[in-house]
Amino acid sequence: MKSLDALEKIAKQLDPNREERRYIRTLIIQHTEKFLEKLPNGKAYSNPDKSNTSWDEDFIEEGSDPSQVVRLTSRQIDHDGINAASGFDMAYVPGGGVYTSALADYWSDITNLYSGVFFANPGAVRLENQVISWLFSLISYPKTACGNLTSGGSIANLTAIITAREVTQLKAKDHAHCVIYLGKQTHHCVTKALKMAGLKEVILRYIELDNGYRMIPAQLEKQIKQDQLNGCIPWMIVASAGTTDTGAVDPLEAIGSIALKNKIWYHVDAAYGGFFY
């Protein structure tokens, strides 16, 4: 029991009282406000110090003063590399950088509500369903459409591939004969997702791109016909609505017509530019 009491005392350090919470929160707000004030004139990129790839301080078991932690973290994180929040950073889209969304994340993290099943928090599930319905209306999907919110494009692609595998009832014995058609600039998370979904043995066909870095439908159709003649199973087409390298959008309607005509599962990776398209 003494050891449990000692552990409880240690654990309570992670549960600050009201004044301690106010102190930590004020430090973070002050730091982030300074960051936002400097943001309009801040650089999009600063060359990092490559001479040291390790964190300057060792982690310790005893707690440190929050102000010291903020200073240390700021010094080692805030100033080098890509400033993704900068309006001058146009090469990468890691997030919206919306202040109210950040506060909503804070609210969600503090309350720690679970929305994985309806009975655990009906309101949170209703909110998620409403957001999904709203997204459907933005892209003119029918009311019969369904979906879910994921943490990012990589998980979304994995989810889509597993969905295709299950709906088409793809069997392991057919993996080596199944063909997936991709553009040469399809995001690498797609091929990773195939491996994670147990589809490592499928055949990958990288379709030629035009001068705008878009998949050429005629080349796609030609390859499908050749694979059918060779006894392969054209199983999935992965098109891109905004590639990460160039922002190119494949000719989605033309590719969709080919997929429909040949009864091939059609997946569009729109994580990067779907809403712009």
C-alpha atoms as a PDB file:
ATOM      1  CA  MET A   1       0.000   0.000   0.000  1.00  0.00           C
ATOM      2  CA  LYS A   2       2.864   2.384   0.749  1.00  0.00           C
ATOM      3  CA  SER A   3       4.189   1.966  -2.775  1.00  0.00           C
ATOM      4  CA  LEU A   4       0.714   2.688  -4.209  1.00  0.00           C
ATOM      5  CA  ASP A   5       0.446   5.804  -2.051  1.00  0.00           C
ATOM      6  CA  ALA A   6       3.824   6.971  -3.320  1.00  0.00           C
ATOM      7  CA  LEU A   7       2.798   6.373  -6.915  1.00  0.00           C
ATOM      8  CA  GLU A   8      -0.456   8.238  -6.350  1.00  0.00           C
ATOM      9  CA  LYS A   9       1.469  11.214  -5.014  1.00  0.00           C
ATOM     10  CA  ILE A  10       3.682  11.224  -8.096  1.00  0.00           C
ATOM     11  CA  ALA A  11       0.712  10.861 -10.434  1.00  0.00           C
ATOM     12  CA  LYS A  12      -1.044  13.838  -8.863  1.00  0.00           C
ATOM     13  CA  GLN A  13       1.689  16.072 -10.259  1.00  0.00           C
ATOM     14  CA  LEU A  14      -0.005  15.556 -13.620  1.00  0.00           C
ATOM     15  CA  ASP A  15      -3.270  16.903 -12.195  1.00  0.00           C
ATOM     16  CA  PRO A  16      -2.541  20.590 -11.441  1.00  0.00           C
ATOM     17  CA  ASN A  17      -4.870  22.645  -9.288  1.00  0.00           C
ATOM     18  CA  ARG A  18      -6.728  25.708 -10.494  1.00  0.00           C
ATOM     19  CA  GLU A  19      -3.923  28.196  -9.880  1.00  0.00           C
ATOM     20  CA  GLU A  20      -1.333  25.923 -11.452  1.00  0.00           C
ATOM     21  CA  ARG A  21      -3.551  25.475 -14.502  1.00  0.00           C
ATOM     22  CA  ARG A  22      -3.970  29.233 -14.797  1.00  0.00           C
ATOM     23  CA  TYR A  23      -0.191  29.741 -14.592  1.00  0.00           C
ATOM     24  CA  ILE A  24       0.581  27.158 -17.292  1.00  0.00           C
ATOM     25  CA  ARG A  25      -2.238  28.371 -19.521  1.00  0.00           C
ATOM     26  CA  THR A  26      -1.055  31.974 -19.254  1.00  0.00           C
ATOM     27  CA  LEU A  27       2.464  30.974 -20.271  1.00  0.00           C
ATOM     28  CA  ILE A  28       1.191  29.148 -23.346  1.00  0.00           C
ATOM     29  CA  ILE A  29      -1.152  31.972 -24.337  1.00  0.00           C
ATOM     30  CA  GLN A  30       1.594  34.562 -23.971  1.00  0.00           C
ATOM     31  CA  HIS A  31       3.962  32.478 -26.049  1.00  0.00           C
ATOM     32  CA  THR A  32       1.459  31.760 -28.828  1.00  0.00           C
ATOM     33  CA  GLU A  33       0.322  35.402 -28.957  1.00  0.00           C
ATOM     34  CA  LYS A  34       3.927  36.495 -29.529  1.00  0.00           C
ATOM     35  CA  PHE A  35       4.162  33.892 -32.278  1.00  0.00           C
ATOM     36  CA  LEU A  36       0.992  35.180 -33.967  1.00  0.00           C
ATOM     37  CA  GLU A  37       2.095  38.811 -33.717  1.00  0.00           C
ATOM     38  CA  LYS A  38       5.345  38.015 -35.537  1.00  0.00           C
ATOM     39  CA  LEU A  39       3.694  35.731 -38.080  1.00  0.00           C
ATOM     40  CA  PRO A  40       2.838  38.281 -40.839  1.00  0.00           C
ATOM     41  CA  ASN A  41       6.521  39.120 -41.332  1.00  0.00           C
ATOM     42  CA  GLY A  42       7.964  35.770 -40.356  1.00  0.00           C
ATOM     43  CA  LYS A  43       9.983  33.607 -42.735  1.00  0.00           C
ATOM     44  CA  ALA A  44       8.408  30.598 -44.357  1.00  0.00           C
ATOM     45  CA  TYR A  45      11.628  28.634 -43.866  1.00  0.00           C
ATOM     46  CA  SER A  46      14.788  28.950 -41.802  1.00  0.00           C
ATOM     47  CA  ASN A  47      17.824  26.745 -42.359  1.00  0.00           C
ATOM     48  CA  PRO A  48      18.093  24.302 -39.464  1.00  0.00           C
ATOM     49  CA  ASP A  49      21.287  23.596 -37.594  1.00  0.00           C
ATOM     50  CA  LYS A  50      22.211  20.177 -38.958  1.00  0.00           C
ATOM     51  CA  SER A  51      25.226  19.795 -36.707  1.00  0.00           C
ATOM     52  CA  ASN A  52      23.080  18.539 -33.847  1.00  0.00           C
ATOM     53  CA  THR A  53      20.213  16.109 -34.434  1.00  0.00           C
ATOM     54  CA  SER A  54      19.510  15.468 -30.759  1.00  0.00           C
ATOM     55  CA  TRP A  55      17.417  17.340 -28.213  1.00  0.00           C
ATOM     56  CA  ASP A  56      19.649  19.580 -26.096  1.00  0.00           C
ATOM     57  CA  GLU A  57      18.269  18.508 -22.729  1.00  0.00           C
ATOM     58  CA  ASP A  58      17.801  15.045 -21.238  1.00  0.00           C
ATOM     59  CA  PHE A  59      14.375  14.034 -20.008  1.00  0.00           C
ATOM     60  CA  ILE A  60      14.237  13.837 -16.232  1.00  0.00           C
ATOM     61  CA  GLU A  61      11.913  12.171 -13.731  1.00  0.00           C
ATOM     62  CA  GLU A  62      11.489  15.313 -11.633  1.00  0.00           C
ATOM     63  CA  GLY A  63       9.217  18.060 -12.899  1.00  0.00           C
ATOM     64  CA  SER A  64      10.571  21.331 -14.280  1.00  0.00           C
ATOM     65  CA  ASP A  65       9.171  24.821 -13.989  1.00  0.00           C
ATOM     66  CA  PRO A  66       6.674  25.320 -16.870  1.00  0.00           C
ATOM     67  CA  SER A  67       8.290  28.610 -17.881  1.00  0.00           C
ATOM     68  CA  GLN A  68      11.611  26.810 -18.357  1.00  0.00           C
ATOM     69  CA  VAL A  69       9.910  24.111 -20.434  1.00  0.00           C
ATOM     70  CA  VAL A  70       8.264  26.746 -22.656  1.00  0.00           C
ATOM     71  CA  ARG A  71      11.571  28.562 -23.202  1.00  0.00           C
ATOM     72  CA  LEU A  72      13.417  25.331 -23.987  1.00  0.00           C
ATOM     73  CA  THR A  73      10.739  24.093 -26.369  1.00  0.00           C
ATOM     74  CA  SER A  74      10.517  27.455 -28.111  1.00  0.00           C
ATOM     75  CA  ARG A  75      14.275  27.613 -28.603  1.00  0.00           C
ATOM     76  CA  GLN A  76      14.509  24.155 -30.119  1.00  0.00           C
ATOM     77  CA  ILE A  77      11.297  23.988 -32.128  1.00  0.00           C
ATOM     78  CA  ASP A  78       9.924  27.394 -33.098  1.00  0.00           C
ATOM     79  CA  HIS A  79      12.758  28.840 -35.148  1.00  0.00           C
ATOM     80  CA  ASP A  80      14.142  26.216 -37.549  1.00  0.00           C
ATOM     81  CA  GLY A  81      12.688  24.482 -40.565  1.00  0.00           C
ATOM     82  CA  ILE A  82       9.297  25.112 -42.197  1.00  0.00           C
ATOM     83  CA  ASN A  83       6.966  27.662 -40.658  1.00  0.00           C
ATOM     84  CA  ALA A  84       3.756  26.012 -41.856  1.00  0.00           C
ATOM     85  CA  ALA A  85       1.606  28.760 -40.314  1.00  0.00           C
ATOM     86  CA  SER A  86       3.260  31.433 -42.448  1.00  0.00           C
ATOM     87  CA  GLY A  87       1.278  32.952 -45.274  1.00  0.00           C
ATOM     88  CA  PHE A  88       4.439  32.708 -47.381  1.00  0.00           C
ATOM     89  CA  ASP A  89       4.570  28.915 -47.080  1.00  0.00           C
ATOM     90  CA  MET A  90       2.837  27.658 -50.221  1.00  0.00           C
ATOM     91  CA  ALA A  91       4.638  24.365 -50.702  1.00  0.00           C
ATOM     92  CA  TYR A  92       2.876  22.222 -48.161  1.00  0.00           C
ATOM     93  CA  VAL A  93      -0.538  22.050 -46.498  1.00  0.00           C
ATOM     94  CA  PRO A  94      -0.227  20.330 -43.106  1.00  0.00           C
ATOM     95  CA  GLY A  95      -3.241  22.052 -41.581  1.00  0.00           C
ATOM     96  CA  GLY A  96      -5.538  25.020 -41.677  1.00  0.00           C
ATOM     97  CA  GLY A  97      -3.897  27.038 -38.926  1.00  0.00           C
ATOM     98  CA  VAL A  98      -7.324  28.318 -37.843  1.00  0.00           C
ATOM     99  CA  TYR A  99      -7.171  29.816 -34.352  1.00  0.00           C
ATOM    100  CA  THR A 100     -10.729  28.902 -33.368  1.00  0.00           C
ATOM    101  CA  SER A 101     -10.104  25.322 -34.512  1.00  0.00           C
ATOM    102  CA  ALA A 102      -7.063  25.193 -32.225  1.00  0.00           C
ATOM    103  CA  LEU A 103      -9.258  26.311 -29.322  1.00  0.00           C
ATOM    104  CA  ALA A 104     -11.804  23.649 -30.249  1.00  0.00           C
ATOM    105  CA  ASP A 105      -8.998  21.067 -30.117  1.00  0.00           C
ATOM    106  CA  TYR A 106      -8.102  22.362 -26.657  1.00  0.00           C
ATOM    107  CA  TRP A 107     -11.724  22.043 -25.534  1.00  0.00           C
ATOM    108  CA  SER A 108     -11.949  18.531 -26.955  1.00  0.00           C
ATOM    109  CA  ASP A 109      -8.658  17.425 -25.359  1.00  0.00           C
ATOM    110  CA  ILE A 110      -9.592  18.788 -21.931  1.00  0.00           C
ATOM    111  CA  THR A 111     -13.044  17.200 -21.834  1.00  0.00           C
ATOM    112  CA  ASN A 112     -11.673  14.004 -23.426  1.00  0.00           C
ATOM    113  CA  LEU A 113     -15.081  12.942 -24.700  1.00  0.00           C
ATOM    114  CA  TYR A 114     -15.258   9.648 -26.582  1.00  0.00           C
ATOM    115  CA  SER A 115     -17.225   9.624 -29.836  1.00  0.00           C
ATOM    116  CA  GLY A 116     -16.323   6.143 -31.030  1.00  0.00           C
ATOM    117  CA  VAL A 117     -19.783   4.754 -30.204  1.00  0.00           C
ATOM    118  CA  PHE A 118     -23.135   6.492 -29.847  1.00  0.00           C
ATOM    119  CA  PHE A 119     -23.956   5.570 -26.259  1.00  0.00           C
ATOM    120  CA  ALA A 120     -20.621   6.932 -24.979  1.00  0.00           C
ATOM    121  CA  ASN A 121     -21.430  10.452 -26.181  1.00  0.00           C
ATOM    122  CA  PRO A 122     -24.508  10.839 -28.398  1.00  0.00           C
ATOM    123  CA  GLY A 123     -23.962  14.578 -28.884  1.00  0.00           C
ATOM    124  CA  ALA A 124     -20.417  14.154 -30.194  1.00  0.00           C
ATOM    125  CA  VAL A 125     -21.530  11.431 -32.613  1.00  0.00           C
ATOM    126  CA  ARG A 126     -24.407  13.606 -33.829  1.00  0.00           C
ATOM    127  CA  LEU A 127     -21.971  16.466 -34.398  1.00  0.00           C
ATOM    128  CA  GLU A 128     -19.631  14.230 -36.402  1.00  0.00           C
ATOM    129  CA  ASN A 129     -22.527  12.935 -38.485  1.00  0.00           C
ATOM    130  CA  GLN A 130     -23.687  16.478 -39.125  1.00  0.00           C
ATOM    131  CA  VAL A 131     -20.204  17.515 -40.272  1.00  0.00           C
ATOM    132  CA  ILE A 132     -20.103  14.554 -42.659  1.00  0.00           C
ATOM    133  CA  SER A 133     -23.553  15.428 -44.040  1.00  0.00           C
ATOM    134  CA  TRP A 134     -22.432  19.024 -44.514  1.00  0.00           C
ATOM    135  CA  LEU A 135     -19.359  17.842 -46.448  1.00  0.00           C
ATOM    136  CA  PHE A 136     -21.612  15.729 -48.670  1.00  0.00           C
ATOM    137  CA  SER A 137     -23.666  18.816 -49.529  1.00  0.00           C
ATOM    138  CA  LEU A 138     -20.514  20.770 -50.429  1.00  0.00           C
ATOM    139  CA  ILE A 139     -19.422  18.185 -52.989  1.00  0.00           C
ATOM    140  CA  SER A 140     -22.936  17.288 -54.205  1.00  0.00           C
ATOM    141  CA  TYR A 141     -22.913  13.735 -52.903  1.00  0.00           C
ATOM    142  CA  PRO A 142     -26.355  12.072 -52.603  1.00  0.00           C
ATOM    143  CA  LYS A 143     -28.050  11.658 -49.214  1.00  0.00           C
ATOM    144  CA  THR A 144     -27.387   7.926 -49.468  1.00  0.00           C
ATOM    145  CA  ALA A 145     -23.622   8.547 -49.228  1.00  0.00           C
ATOM    146  CA  CYS A 146     -21.759   7.610 -46.073  1.00  0.00           C
ATOM    147  CA  GLY A 147     -18.341   8.321 -44.601  1.00  0.00           C
ATOM    148  CA  ASN A 148     -16.314   9.042 -41.516  1.00  0.00           C
ATOM    149  CA  LEU A 149     -13.731  11.539 -40.316  1.00  0.00           C
ATOM    150  CA  THR A 150     -10.106  10.414 -40.148  1.00  0.00           C
ATOM    151  CA  SER A 151      -6.952  11.964 -38.738  1.00  0.00           C
ATOM    152  CA  GLY A 152      -5.479  12.587 -42.185  1.00  0.00           C
ATOM    153  CA  GLY A 153      -4.986  11.523 -45.783  1.00  0.00           C
ATOM    154  CA  SER A 154      -2.854   8.451 -45.040  1.00  0.00           C
ATOM    155  CA  ILE A 155      -5.497   6.862 -42.814  1.00  0.00           C
ATOM    156  CA  ALA A 156      -8.204   7.932 -45.277  1.00  0.00           C
ATOM    157  CA  ASN A 157      -6.451   6.089 -48.121  1.00  0.00           C
ATOM    158  CA  LEU A 158      -5.930   3.020 -45.948  1.00  0.00           C
ATOM    159  CA  THR A 159      -9.616   3.072 -45.002  1.00  0.00           C
ATOM    160  CA  ALA A 160     -10.633   3.370 -48.660  1.00  0.00           C
ATOM    161  CA  ILE A 161      -8.425   0.472 -49.743  1.00  0.00           C
ATOM    162  CA  ILE A 162      -9.674  -1.814 -46.981  1.00  0.00           C
ATOM    163  CA  THR A 163     -13.254  -0.831 -47.858  1.00  0.00           C
ATOM    164  CA  ALA A 164     -12.622  -1.791 -51.482  1.00  0.00           C
ATOM    165  CA  ARG A 165     -11.049  -5.080 -50.427  1.00  0.00           C
ATOM    166  CA  GLU A 166     -14.023  -5.996 -48.239  1.00  0.00           C
ATOM    167  CA  VAL A 167     -16.826  -4.814 -50.540  1.00  0.00           C
ATOM    168  CA  THR A 168     -15.394  -6.598 -53.565  1.00  0.00           C
ATOM    169  CA  GLN A 169     -14.675  -9.660 -51.396  1.00  0.00           C
ATOM    170  CA  LEU A 170     -11.165  -9.897 -52.767  1.00  0.00           C
ATOM    171  CA  LYS A 171      -9.595 -13.253 -51.986  1.00  0.00           C
ATOM    172  CA  ALA A 172      -5.945 -13.841 -51.072  1.00  0.00           C
ATOM    173  CA  LYS A 173      -5.584 -16.343 -53.906  1.00  0.00           C
ATOM    174  CA  ASP A 174      -6.332 -13.550 -56.407  1.00  0.00           C
ATOM    175  CA  HIS A 175      -3.954 -10.910 -55.053  1.00  0.00           C
ATOM    176  CA  ALA A 176      -1.105 -11.734 -57.420  1.00  0.00           C
ATOM    177  CA  HIS A 177      -3.427 -11.355 -60.434  1.00  0.00           C
ATOM    178  CA  CYS A 178      -5.145  -8.127 -59.367  1.00  0.00           C
ATOM    179  CA  VAL A 179      -4.028  -4.852 -60.906  1.00  0.00           C
ATOM    180  CA  ILE A 180      -4.133  -1.367 -59.384  1.00  0.00           C
ATOM    181  CA  TYR A 181      -3.688   1.614 -61.696  1.00  0.00           C
ATOM    182  CA  LEU A 182      -2.021   4.754 -60.357  1.00  0.00           C
ATOM    183  CA  GLY A 183      -0.507   7.957 -61.647  1.00  0.00           C
ATOM    184  CA  LYS A 184       3.235   8.402 -61.380  1.00  0.00           C
ATOM    185  CA  GLN A 185       2.649  11.137 -58.781  1.00  0.00           C
ATOM    186  CA  THR A 186       0.200   9.202 -56.613  1.00  0.00           C
ATOM    187  CA  HIS A 187       1.068   9.805 -52.967  1.00  0.00           C
ATOM    188  CA  HIS A 188       3.358   7.183 -51.463  1.00  0.00           C
ATOM    189  CA  CYS A 189       0.918   6.503 -48.608  1.00  0.00           C
ATOM    190  CA  VAL A 190      -1.235   4.578 -51.102  1.00  0.00           C
ATOM    191  CA  THR A 191       1.398   1.910 -51.700  1.00  0.00           C
ATOM    192  CA  LYS A 192       2.090   1.795 -47.955  1.00  0.00           C
ATOM    193  CA  ALA A 193      -1.622   1.312 -47.330  1.00  0.00           C
ATOM    194  CA  LEU A 194      -1.707  -1.582 -49.790  1.00  0.00           C
ATOM    195  CA  LYS A 195       0.987  -3.362 -47.786  1.00  0.00           C
ATOM    196  CA  MET A 196      -0.791  -2.669 -44.501  1.00  0.00           C
ATOM    197  CA  ALA A 197      -4.030  -4.020 -45.988  1.00  0.00           C
ATOM    198  CA  GLY A 198      -2.299  -7.286 -46.909  1.00  0.00           C
ATOM    199  CA  LEU A 199      -2.201  -6.474 -50.627  1.00  0.00           C
ATOM    200  CA  LYS A 200       1.547  -6.419 -51.149  1.00  0.00           C
ATOM    201  CA  GLU A 201       1.320  -8.944 -53.984  1.00  0.00           C
ATOM    202  CA  VAL A 202      -1.006  -6.921 -56.222  1.00  0.00           C
ATOM    203  CA  ILE A 203       0.312  -5.648 -59.537  1.00  0.00           C
ATOM    204  CA  LEU A 204       0.916  -1.892 -59.728  1.00  0.00           C
ATOM    205  CA  ARG A 205       0.591  -0.123 -63.066  1.00  0.00           C
ATOM    206  CA  TYR A 206       1.876   3.458 -63.149  1.00  0.00           C
ATOM    207  CA  ILE A 207       0.045   5.213 -65.969  1.00  0.00           C
ATOM    208  CA  GLU A 208       1.829   7.799 -68.081  1.00  0.00           C
ATOM    209  CA  LEU A 209       1.157  11.478 -67.325  1.00  0.00           C
ATOM    210  CA  ASP A 210       0.531  14.377 -69.696  1.00  0.00           C
ATOM    211  CA  ASN A 211       2.404  17.698 -69.662  1.00  0.00           C
ATOM    212  CA  GLY A 212       0.187  18.860 -66.790  1.00  0.00           C
ATOM    213  CA  TYR A 213       1.249  15.842 -64.675  1.00  0.00           C
ATOM    214  CA  ARG A 214      -2.207  14.278 -64.990  1.00  0.00           C
ATOM    215  CA  MET A 215      -3.010  10.667 -65.728  1.00  0.00           C
ATOM    216  CA  ILE A 216      -3.742  10.092 -69.435  1.00  0.00           C
ATOM    217  CA  PRO A 217      -7.119   8.309 -69.766  1.00  0.00           C
ATOM    218  CA  ALA A 218      -6.261   6.807 -73.159  1.00  0.00           C
ATOM    219  CA  GLN A 219      -3.119   5.210 -71.718  1.00  0.00           C
ATOM    220  CA  LEU A 220      -5.132   3.926 -68.766  1.00  0.00           C
ATOM    221  CA  GLU A 221      -7.728   2.325 -71.011  1.00  0.00           C
ATOM    222  CA  LYS A 222      -5.026   0.798 -73.193  1.00  0.00           C
ATOM    223  CA  GLN A 223      -3.324  -0.767 -70.155  1.00  0.00           C
ATOM    224  CA  ILE A 224      -6.611  -2.145 -68.809  1.00  0.00           C
ATOM    225  CA  LYS A 225      -7.359  -3.870 -72.126  1.00  0.00           C
ATOM    226  CA  GLN A 226      -3.856  -5.352 -72.218  1.00  0.00           C
ATOM    227  CA  ASP A 227      -4.197  -6.677 -68.671  1.00  0.00           C
ATOM    228  CA  GLN A 228      -7.582  -8.227 -69.492  1.00  0.00           C
ATOM    229  CA  LEU A 229      -6.044 -10.005 -72.489  1.00  0.00           C
ATOM    230  CA  ASN A 230      -3.240 -11.284 -70.241  1.00  0.00           C
ATOM    231  CA  GLY A 231      -5.714 -12.798 -67.777  1.00  0.00           C
ATOM    232  CA  CYS A 232      -5.166 -10.222 -65.034  1.00  0.00           C
ATOM    233  CA  ILE A 233      -7.946  -8.714 -62.936  1.00  0.00           C
ATOM    234  CA  PRO A 234      -8.226  -4.910 -63.231  1.00  0.00           C
ATOM    235  CA  TRP A 235      -9.312  -4.235 -59.650  1.00  0.00           C
ATOM    236  CA  MET A 236      -8.783  -0.601 -58.648  1.00  0.00           C
ATOM    237  CA  ILE A 237      -7.977   2.782 -60.138  1.00  0.00           C
ATOM    238  CA  VAL A 238      -6.493   5.453 -57.846  1.00  0.00           C
ATOM    239  CA  ALA A 239      -6.796   8.975 -59.219  1.00  0.00           C
ATOM    240  CA  SER A 240      -5.613  12.172 -57.535  1.00  0.00           C
ATOM    241  CA  ALA A 241      -7.518  15.390 -56.917  1.00  0.00           C
ATOM    242  CA  GLY A 242      -4.448  17.452 -56.184  1.00  0.00           C
ATOM    243  CA  THR A 243      -1.056  15.741 -56.075  1.00  0.00           C
ATOM    244  CA  THR A 244       1.322  16.851 -53.331  1.00  0.00           C
ATOM    245  CA  ASP A 245       4.163  17.687 -55.721  1.00  0.00           C
ATOM    246  CA  THR A 246       2.346  19.809 -58.295  1.00  0.00           C
ATOM    247  CA  GLY A 247      -1.298  20.096 -57.241  1.00  0.00           C
ATOM    248  CA  ALA A 248      -2.343  18.394 -60.483  1.00  0.00           C
ATOM    249  CA  VAL A 249      -5.875  17.013 -60.712  1.00  0.00           C
ATOM    250  CA  ASP A 250      -6.373  13.929 -62.837  1.00  0.00           C
ATOM    251  CA  PRO A 251      -9.232  14.004 -65.402  1.00  0.00           C
ATOM    252  CA  LEU A 252     -11.612  12.486 -62.868  1.00  0.00           C
ATOM    253  CA  GLU A 253     -14.744  12.205 -64.999  1.00  0.00           C
ATOM    254  CA  ALA A 254     -12.971  10.552 -67.913  1.00  0.00           C
ATOM    255  CA  ILE A 255     -11.245   8.095 -65.581  1.00  0.00           C
ATOM    256  CA  GLY A 256     -14.537   7.463 -63.791  1.00  0.00           C
ATOM    257  CA  SER A 257     -16.213   6.553 -67.076  1.00  0.00           C
ATOM    258  CA  ILE A 258     -13.452   4.047 -67.800  1.00  0.00           C
ATOM    259  CA  ALA A 259     -13.812   2.543 -64.334  1.00  0.00           C
ATOM    260  CA  LEU A 260     -17.590   2.283 -64.701  1.00  0.00           C
ATOM    261  CA  LYS A 261     -17.382   0.692 -68.150  1.00  0.00           C
ATOM    262  CA  ASN A 262     -14.877  -1.914 -66.953  1.00  0.00           C
ATOM    263  CA  LYS A 263     -16.473  -2.419 -63.497  1.00  0.00           C
ATOM    264  CA  ILE A 264     -13.290  -1.397 -61.678  1.00  0.00           C
ATOM    265  CA  TRP A 265     -13.307   0.063 -58.158  1.00  0.00           C
ATOM    266  CA  TYR A 266     -12.577   3.775 -58.445  1.00  0.00           C
ATOM    267  CA  HIS A 267     -10.851   5.664 -55.619  1.00  0.00           C
ATOM    268  CA  VAL A 268      -9.996   9.365 -55.728  1.00  0.00           C
ATOM    269  CA  ASP A 269      -7.380  10.625 -53.298  1.00  0.00           C
ATOM    270  CA  ALA A 270      -8.680  14.152 -52.684  1.00  0.00           C
ATOM    271  CA  ALA A 271      -6.922  14.750 -49.373  1.00  0.00           C
ATOM    272  CA  TYR A 272      -4.679  17.446 -50.792  1.00  0.00           C
ATOM    273  CA  GLY A 273      -6.867  19.391 -53.182  1.00  0.00           C
ATOM    274  CA  GLY A 274     -10.392  18.012 -53.156  1.00  0.00           C
ATOM    275  CA  PHE A 275     -12.027  21.140 -51.776  1.00  0.00           C
ATOM    276  CA  PHE A 276     -10.140  23.388 -54.180  1.00  0.00           C
ATOM    277  CA  TYR A 277     -11.292  21.255 -57.092  1.00  0.00           C
END
